Amino acid sequence: MPSVVSNIPAADSATVLTYFEMKLSLETDCWDVHEALSNGVDFVLLDVRSPALYAAGHLPGAINLPHGKIIESKLAGYAKQTLFVVYCGGPHCNGADRAAVRLARLGRPVKVMIGGITGWRDEGFELEALAAPAGYRSVSTG
């Protein structure tokens, strides 16, 4: 009797190859982004979360451009063939997917960094934070 795993037969090798090659053309992961940041970046890393979340902690070298603010005029300084890698909070957030749609509609190459901030932290990688403005006070929750 087949198990729940083998009850539905595996796809043929050609289908598997097509699927995973397509998947890799649409996304990258935290480890690969970290490696690229260490060895030379050939893409623009976009943190598509809110400015407040970006300020609290973001990937090194990331530019903050919330997904809802992605318009052609904000990308004018980048060549049309520039690859954008977008990320948001993590698997619970679809902001990176929304950003990818907006970039693709503008004819821009894009990949989503799967895992987002959650995945980055899970890999043990550090975040950068912006310095708090002069006179800033955090709100105590205790």
N, C-alpha and C. Protein backbone atom coordinates (compact mmCIF):
# COMPACT_ATOMS: atom_id res chain seq x y z
N MET A 1 0.85 -1.18 0.00
CA MET A 1 0.00 0.00 0.00
C MET A 1 0.90 1.25 0.00
N PRO A 2 0.69 2.16 -0.97
CA PRO A 2 1.54 3.36 -1.03
C PRO A 2 1.28 4.28 0.16
N SER A 3 2.33 5.00 0.53
CA SER A 3 2.20 5.98 1.62
C SER A 3 1.53 7.25 1.08
N VAL A 4 1.23 8.14 1.99
CA VAL A 4 0.67 9.43 1.60
C VAL A 4 1.66 10.17 0.69
N VAL A 5 2.94 9.96 0.89
CA VAL A 5 3.97 10.60 0.08
C VAL A 5 3.99 10.04 -1.33
N SER A 6 3.95 8.73 -1.47
CA SER A 6 4.09 8.12 -2.79
C SER A 6 2.76 7.83 -3.49
N ASN A 7 1.65 8.10 -2.81
CA ASN A 7 0.35 7.84 -3.39
C ASN A 7 0.16 8.59 -4.72
N ILE A 8 0.61 9.82 -4.76
CA ILE A 8 0.63 10.58 -6.02
C ILE A 8 2.04 10.46 -6.56
N PRO A 9 2.19 9.91 -7.76
CA PRO A 9 3.53 9.67 -8.31
C PRO A 9 4.31 10.97 -8.50
N ALA A 10 5.62 10.85 -8.35
CA ALA A 10 6.50 11.99 -8.59
C ALA A 10 6.45 12.37 -10.07
N ALA A 11 6.66 13.65 -10.33
CA ALA A 11 6.68 14.13 -11.72
C ALA A 11 7.91 13.58 -12.43
N ASP A 12 7.84 13.55 -13.75
CA ASP A 12 9.01 13.10 -14.52
C ASP A 12 10.12 14.15 -14.39
N SER A 13 11.34 13.75 -14.67
CA SER A 13 12.51 14.60 -14.48
C SER A 13 12.43 15.91 -15.26
N ALA A 14 11.92 15.88 -16.47
CA ALA A 14 11.82 17.10 -17.27
C ALA A 14 10.89 18.12 -16.61
N THR A 15 9.78 17.64 -16.05
CA THR A 15 8.84 18.53 -15.37
C THR A 15 9.46 19.11 -14.11
N VAL A 16 10.16 18.27 -13.37
CA VAL A 16 10.83 18.73 -12.15
C VAL A 16 11.88 19.79 -12.49
N LEU A 17 12.67 19.53 -13.51
CA LEU A 17 13.71 20.46 -13.92
C LEU A 17 13.10 21.80 -14.33
N THR A 18 12.08 21.79 -15.13
CA THR A 18 11.41 23.02 -15.57
C THR A 18 10.87 23.79 -14.38
N TYR A 19 10.21 23.09 -13.48
CA TYR A 19 9.61 23.73 -12.32
C TYR A 19 10.67 24.42 -11.44
N PHE A 20 11.72 23.69 -11.08
CA PHE A 20 12.71 24.26 -10.16
C PHE A 20 13.59 25.31 -10.82
N GLU A 21 13.86 25.17 -12.11
CA GLU A 21 14.59 26.24 -12.79
C GLU A 21 13.74 27.51 -12.82
N MET A 22 12.46 27.38 -13.08
CA MET A 22 11.57 28.54 -13.07
C MET A 22 11.51 29.15 -11.67
N LYS A 23 11.39 28.31 -10.67
CA LYS A 23 11.32 28.80 -9.29
C LYS A 23 12.58 29.59 -8.93
N LEU A 24 13.74 29.08 -9.32
CA LEU A 24 14.99 29.77 -9.01
C LEU A 24 15.15 31.06 -9.81
N SER A 25 14.45 31.20 -10.92
CA SER A 25 14.50 32.45 -11.68
C SER A 25 13.63 33.53 -11.04
N LEU A 26 12.75 33.12 -10.12
CA LEU A 26 11.84 34.04 -9.46
C LEU A 26 12.23 34.40 -8.04
N GLU A 27 13.07 33.57 -7.43
CA GLU A 27 13.42 33.81 -6.03
C GLU A 27 14.85 33.42 -5.73
N THR A 28 15.32 33.98 -4.64
CA THR A 28 16.63 33.64 -4.11
C THR A 28 16.45 33.45 -2.61
N ASP A 29 17.49 33.08 -1.91
CA ASP A 29 17.33 32.89 -0.47
C ASP A 29 18.31 33.75 0.32
N CYS A 30 18.13 33.76 1.61
CA CYS A 30 18.93 34.61 2.49
C CYS A 30 20.42 34.28 2.40
N TRP A 31 20.74 33.00 2.34
CA TRP A 31 22.15 32.60 2.28
C TRP A 31 22.81 33.14 1.03
N ASP A 32 22.14 33.03 -0.11
CA ASP A 32 22.72 33.51 -1.37
C ASP A 32 22.87 35.03 -1.36
N VAL A 33 21.90 35.74 -0.81
CA VAL A 33 22.02 37.20 -0.70
C VAL A 33 23.18 37.56 0.21
N HIS A 34 23.30 36.89 1.33
CA HIS A 34 24.41 37.15 2.26
C HIS A 34 25.75 36.91 1.57
N GLU A 35 25.84 35.81 0.84
CA GLU A 35 27.07 35.49 0.11
C GLU A 35 27.39 36.59 -0.90
N ALA A 36 26.38 37.04 -1.63
CA ALA A 36 26.58 38.10 -2.62
C ALA A 36 27.02 39.41 -1.95
N LEU A 37 26.45 39.72 -0.80
CA LEU A 37 26.84 40.94 -0.09
C LEU A 37 28.30 40.88 0.33
N SER A 38 28.81 39.69 0.57
CA SER A 38 30.20 39.51 0.98
C SER A 38 31.16 39.52 -0.20
N ASN A 39 30.66 39.22 -1.41
CA ASN A 39 31.55 39.00 -2.55
C ASN A 39 31.28 39.91 -3.74
N GLY A 40 30.46 40.91 -3.58
CA GLY A 40 30.17 41.81 -4.70
C GLY A 40 28.74 41.67 -5.16
N VAL A 41 28.03 42.76 -5.10
CA VAL A 41 26.60 42.76 -5.39
C VAL A 41 26.37 43.20 -6.84
N ASP A 42 25.54 42.46 -7.54
CA ASP A 42 25.16 42.82 -8.91
C ASP A 42 23.64 43.01 -9.00
N PHE A 43 23.05 43.47 -7.91
CA PHE A 43 21.61 43.71 -7.82
C PHE A 43 21.37 44.82 -6.82
N VAL A 44 20.16 45.34 -6.81
CA VAL A 44 19.74 46.33 -5.83
C VAL A 44 18.83 45.62 -4.84
N LEU A 45 19.16 45.72 -3.58
CA LEU A 45 18.41 45.07 -2.51
C LEU A 45 17.39 46.06 -1.96
N LEU A 46 16.11 45.72 -2.10
CA LEU A 46 15.04 46.60 -1.63
C LEU A 46 14.31 46.00 -0.43
N ASP A 47 14.30 46.74 0.65
CA ASP A 47 13.47 46.44 1.80
C ASP A 47 12.15 47.14 1.54
N VAL A 48 11.10 46.38 1.35
CA VAL A 48 9.82 46.95 0.93
C VAL A 48 8.84 47.14 2.09
N ARG A 49 9.37 47.10 3.32
CA ARG A 49 8.55 47.33 4.51
C ARG A 49 8.44 48.83 4.78
N SER A 50 7.78 49.18 5.84
CA SER A 50 7.60 50.59 6.21
C SER A 50 8.94 51.21 6.62
N PRO A 51 9.05 52.53 6.52
CA PRO A 51 10.28 53.19 6.98
C PRO A 51 10.60 52.92 8.45
N ALA A 52 9.58 52.81 9.29
CA ALA A 52 9.82 52.54 10.72
C ALA A 52 10.44 51.15 10.92
N LEU A 53 9.91 50.15 10.22
CA LEU A 53 10.48 48.80 10.35
C LEU A 53 11.89 48.75 9.76
N TYR A 54 12.09 49.43 8.65
CA TYR A 54 13.42 49.51 8.04
C TYR A 54 14.42 50.13 9.03
N ALA A 55 14.02 51.23 9.66
CA ALA A 55 14.90 51.92 10.61
C ALA A 55 15.27 51.02 11.79
N ALA A 56 14.33 50.20 12.21
CA ALA A 56 14.57 49.32 13.36
C ALA A 56 15.55 48.20 13.05
N GLY A 57 15.63 47.78 11.78
CA GLY A 57 16.57 46.74 11.39
C GLY A 57 16.33 46.28 9.98
N HIS A 58 17.40 46.30 9.17
CA HIS A 58 17.30 45.91 7.76
C HIS A 58 18.59 45.22 7.34
N LEU A 59 18.56 44.60 6.18
CA LEU A 59 19.74 43.94 5.66
C LEU A 59 20.79 44.98 5.29
N PRO A 60 22.07 44.65 5.48
CA PRO A 60 23.13 45.59 5.13
C PRO A 60 23.04 45.98 3.65
N GLY A 61 23.10 47.27 3.40
CA GLY A 61 23.08 47.77 2.04
C GLY A 61 21.71 47.89 1.41
N ALA A 62 20.67 47.49 2.12
CA ALA A 62 19.32 47.56 1.57
C ALA A 62 18.84 49.00 1.49
N ILE A 63 18.04 49.25 0.48
CA ILE A 63 17.38 50.54 0.29
C ILE A 63 15.92 50.35 0.66
N ASN A 64 15.37 51.32 1.38
CA ASN A 64 13.96 51.22 1.76
C ASN A 64 13.09 51.86 0.69
N LEU A 65 12.20 51.06 0.13
CA LEU A 65 11.19 51.54 -0.81
C LEU A 65 9.95 50.67 -0.59
N PRO A 66 9.03 51.14 0.25
CA PRO A 66 7.83 50.35 0.53
C PRO A 66 7.12 49.93 -0.76
N HIS A 67 6.59 48.72 -0.76
CA HIS A 67 6.02 48.17 -1.98
C HIS A 67 4.97 49.06 -2.61
N GLY A 68 4.19 49.75 -1.81
CA GLY A 68 3.15 50.62 -2.34
C GLY A 68 3.68 51.89 -2.97
N LYS A 69 4.97 52.17 -2.79
CA LYS A 69 5.58 53.39 -3.32
C LYS A 69 6.45 53.11 -4.55
N ILE A 70 6.46 51.88 -5.02
CA ILE A 70 7.29 51.53 -6.17
C ILE A 70 6.61 52.05 -7.44
N ILE A 71 7.20 53.11 -7.99
CA ILE A 71 6.73 53.71 -9.24
C ILE A 71 7.96 54.02 -10.09
N GLU A 72 7.74 54.20 -11.36
CA GLU A 72 8.86 54.41 -12.29
C GLU A 72 9.76 55.57 -11.89
N SER A 73 9.19 56.66 -11.45
CA SER A 73 10.02 57.82 -11.10
C SER A 73 11.00 57.51 -9.98
N LYS A 74 10.66 56.60 -9.08
CA LYS A 74 11.57 56.24 -7.98
C LYS A 74 12.69 55.32 -8.46
N LEU A 75 12.53 54.74 -9.65
CA LEU A 75 13.52 53.81 -10.20
C LEU A 75 14.34 54.46 -11.32
N ALA A 76 14.08 55.71 -11.60
CA ALA A 76 14.69 56.39 -12.74
C ALA A 76 16.22 56.36 -12.72
N GLY A 77 16.82 56.28 -11.57
CA GLY A 77 18.28 56.26 -11.46
C GLY A 77 18.91 54.91 -11.75
N TYR A 78 18.11 53.91 -12.00
CA TYR A 78 18.61 52.55 -12.25
C TYR A 78 18.39 52.17 -13.72
N ALA A 79 19.39 51.54 -14.29
CA ALA A 79 19.26 51.04 -15.66
C ALA A 79 18.10 50.06 -15.72
N LYS A 80 17.45 49.99 -16.88
CA LYS A 80 16.28 49.10 -17.04
C LYS A 80 16.59 47.64 -16.76
N GLN A 81 17.83 47.20 -17.00
CA GLN A 81 18.19 45.80 -16.80
C GLN A 81 18.65 45.50 -15.36
N THR A 82 18.62 46.50 -14.47
CA THR A 82 19.04 46.29 -13.09
C THR A 82 18.14 45.26 -12.42
N LEU A 83 18.76 44.27 -11.80
CA LEU A 83 18.01 43.27 -11.04
C LEU A 83 17.71 43.81 -9.65
N PHE A 84 16.46 43.72 -9.26
CA PHE A 84 16.05 44.09 -7.91
C PHE A 84 15.74 42.82 -7.13
N VAL A 85 16.26 42.74 -5.90
CA VAL A 85 15.93 41.66 -4.98
C VAL A 85 15.14 42.30 -3.86
N VAL A 86 13.92 41.82 -3.66
CA VAL A 86 13.01 42.43 -2.69
C VAL A 86 12.77 41.48 -1.52
N TYR A 87 12.57 42.09 -0.34
CA TYR A 87 12.22 41.29 0.83
C TYR A 87 11.31 42.10 1.73
N CYS A 88 10.58 41.36 2.58
CA CYS A 88 9.72 41.98 3.58
C CYS A 88 9.95 41.29 4.92
N GLY A 89 8.93 41.17 5.73
CA GLY A 89 9.07 40.65 7.07
C GLY A 89 9.38 39.16 7.15
N GLY A 90 8.83 38.39 6.26
CA GLY A 90 9.04 36.95 6.30
C GLY A 90 7.92 36.20 5.62
N PRO A 91 7.84 34.90 5.91
CA PRO A 91 6.84 34.06 5.24
C PRO A 91 5.39 34.48 5.51
N HIS A 92 5.18 35.22 6.57
CA HIS A 92 3.84 35.67 6.94
C HIS A 92 3.44 36.96 6.21
N CYS A 93 4.34 37.49 5.39
CA CYS A 93 4.15 38.79 4.76
C CYS A 93 4.17 38.65 3.24
N ASN A 94 3.23 39.30 2.56
CA ASN A 94 3.24 39.24 1.09
C ASN A 94 3.74 40.53 0.46
N GLY A 95 4.36 41.39 1.24
CA GLY A 95 4.89 42.64 0.73
C GLY A 95 5.92 42.45 -0.37
N ALA A 96 6.78 41.45 -0.24
CA ALA A 96 7.78 41.18 -1.28
C ALA A 96 7.11 40.73 -2.57
N ASP A 97 6.06 39.92 -2.45
CA ASP A 97 5.33 39.50 -3.64
C ASP A 97 4.67 40.69 -4.31
N ARG A 98 4.10 41.58 -3.51
CA ARG A 98 3.47 42.79 -4.06
C ARG A 98 4.51 43.66 -4.77
N ALA A 99 5.68 43.78 -4.15
CA ALA A 99 6.76 44.56 -4.76
C ALA A 99 7.20 43.94 -6.07
N ALA A 100 7.32 42.61 -6.09
CA ALA A 100 7.73 41.91 -7.32
C ALA A 100 6.73 42.16 -8.44
N VAL A 101 5.45 42.16 -8.12
CA VAL A 101 4.42 42.43 -9.12
C VAL A 101 4.58 43.85 -9.66
N ARG A 102 4.76 44.80 -8.77
CA ARG A 102 4.90 46.21 -9.20
C ARG A 102 6.12 46.39 -10.09
N LEU A 103 7.25 45.80 -9.67
CA LEU A 103 8.47 45.91 -10.47
C LEU A 103 8.31 45.24 -11.84
N ALA A 104 7.71 44.06 -11.85
CA ALA A 104 7.49 43.36 -13.12
C ALA A 104 6.57 44.16 -14.03
N ARG A 105 5.55 44.79 -13.48
CA ARG A 105 4.66 45.63 -14.30
C ARG A 105 5.40 46.82 -14.89
N LEU A 106 6.48 47.24 -14.25
CA LEU A 106 7.31 48.33 -14.76
C LEU A 106 8.41 47.81 -15.69
N GLY A 107 8.40 46.50 -15.95
CA GLY A 107 9.38 45.91 -16.85
C GLY A 107 10.75 45.73 -16.24
N ARG A 108 10.80 45.66 -14.91
CA ARG A 108 12.08 45.53 -14.19
C ARG A 108 12.32 44.08 -13.77
N PRO A 109 13.56 43.59 -13.94
CA PRO A 109 13.90 42.25 -13.45
C PRO A 109 13.82 42.22 -11.92
N VAL A 110 13.26 41.15 -11.38
CA VAL A 110 13.08 41.08 -9.93
C VAL A 110 13.12 39.63 -9.46
N LYS A 111 13.65 39.47 -8.26
CA LYS A 111 13.58 38.21 -7.52
C LYS A 111 13.15 38.53 -6.10
N VAL A 112 12.42 37.62 -5.49
CA VAL A 112 12.03 37.73 -4.09
C VAL A 112 13.03 36.95 -3.25
N MET A 113 13.49 37.58 -2.17
CA MET A 113 14.33 36.85 -1.22
C MET A 113 13.39 36.14 -0.25
N ILE A 114 13.28 34.82 -0.43
CA ILE A 114 12.37 34.06 0.42
C ILE A 114 12.86 34.09 1.87
N GLY A 115 11.92 34.11 2.77
CA GLY A 115 12.25 34.14 4.20
C GLY A 115 12.23 35.53 4.79
N GLY A 116 12.56 36.55 3.99
CA GLY A 116 12.58 37.92 4.48
C GLY A 116 13.44 38.10 5.71
N ILE A 117 13.06 39.05 6.54
CA ILE A 117 13.80 39.34 7.78
C ILE A 117 13.83 38.11 8.68
N THR A 118 12.73 37.39 8.75
CA THR A 118 12.67 36.18 9.59
C THR A 118 13.71 35.17 9.14
N GLY A 119 13.78 34.90 7.86
CA GLY A 119 14.76 33.96 7.33
C GLY A 119 16.18 34.44 7.55
N TRP A 120 16.42 35.73 7.36
CA TRP A 120 17.75 36.32 7.57
C TRP A 120 18.22 36.08 9.00
N ARG A 121 17.33 36.36 9.95
CA ARG A 121 17.67 36.14 11.37
C ARG A 121 17.85 34.64 11.67
N ASP A 122 16.98 33.80 11.08
CA ASP A 122 17.09 32.36 11.29
C ASP A 122 18.45 31.83 10.86
N GLU A 123 19.03 32.44 9.82
CA GLU A 123 20.36 32.03 9.35
C GLU A 123 21.47 32.56 10.26
N GLY A 124 21.12 33.42 11.21
CA GLY A 124 22.11 33.97 12.13
C GLY A 124 22.81 35.21 11.60
N PHE A 125 22.26 35.83 10.56
CA PHE A 125 22.87 37.02 9.98
C PHE A 125 22.42 38.27 10.73
N GLU A 126 23.29 39.27 10.76
CA GLU A 126 23.02 40.51 11.48
C GLU A 126 22.21 41.49 10.63
N LEU A 127 21.48 42.33 11.30
CA LEU A 127 20.75 43.43 10.67
C LEU A 127 21.45 44.74 11.00
N GLU A 128 21.25 45.74 10.15
CA GLU A 128 21.70 47.09 10.45
C GLU A 128 20.48 47.87 10.93
N ALA A 129 20.71 48.83 11.80
CA ALA A 129 19.63 49.71 12.25
C ALA A 129 20.08 51.15 12.05
N LEU A 130 19.13 52.02 11.82
CA LEU A 130 19.44 53.43 11.70
C LEU A 130 19.55 54.03 13.08
N ALA A 131 20.41 55.02 13.22
CA ALA A 131 20.53 55.71 14.50
C ALA A 131 19.23 56.47 14.77
N ALA A 132 18.82 56.46 16.01
CA ALA A 132 17.61 57.20 16.38
C ALA A 132 17.88 58.69 16.25
N PRO A 133 16.92 59.45 15.74
CA PRO A 133 17.11 60.89 15.62
C PRO A 133 17.30 61.55 16.98
N ALA A 134 17.96 62.70 17.00
CA ALA A 134 18.19 63.44 18.24
C ALA A 134 16.84 63.69 18.92
N GLY A 135 16.80 63.48 20.20
CA GLY A 135 15.58 63.71 20.96
C GLY A 135 14.60 62.55 20.91
N TYR A 136 14.95 61.48 20.19
CA TYR A 136 14.04 60.32 20.08
C TYR A 136 14.00 59.59 21.41
N ARG A 137 12.81 59.21 21.80
CA ARG A 137 12.63 58.40 23.00
C ARG A 137 11.78 57.21 22.64
N SER A 138 12.20 56.05 23.08
CA SER A 138 11.37 54.87 22.80
C SER A 138 10.23 54.82 23.81
N VAL A 139 9.18 54.16 23.43
CA VAL A 139 8.03 54.02 24.31
C VAL A 139 8.22 52.77 25.15
N SER A 140 8.11 52.90 26.43
CA SER A 140 8.24 51.76 27.33
C SER A 140 6.98 50.94 27.31
N THR A 141 7.16 49.62 27.24
CA THR A 141 5.99 48.73 27.25
C THR A 141 5.82 48.07 28.60
N GLY A 142 6.65 48.42 29.54
CA GLY A 142 6.60 47.72 30.80
C GLY A 142 6.11 48.48 31.90
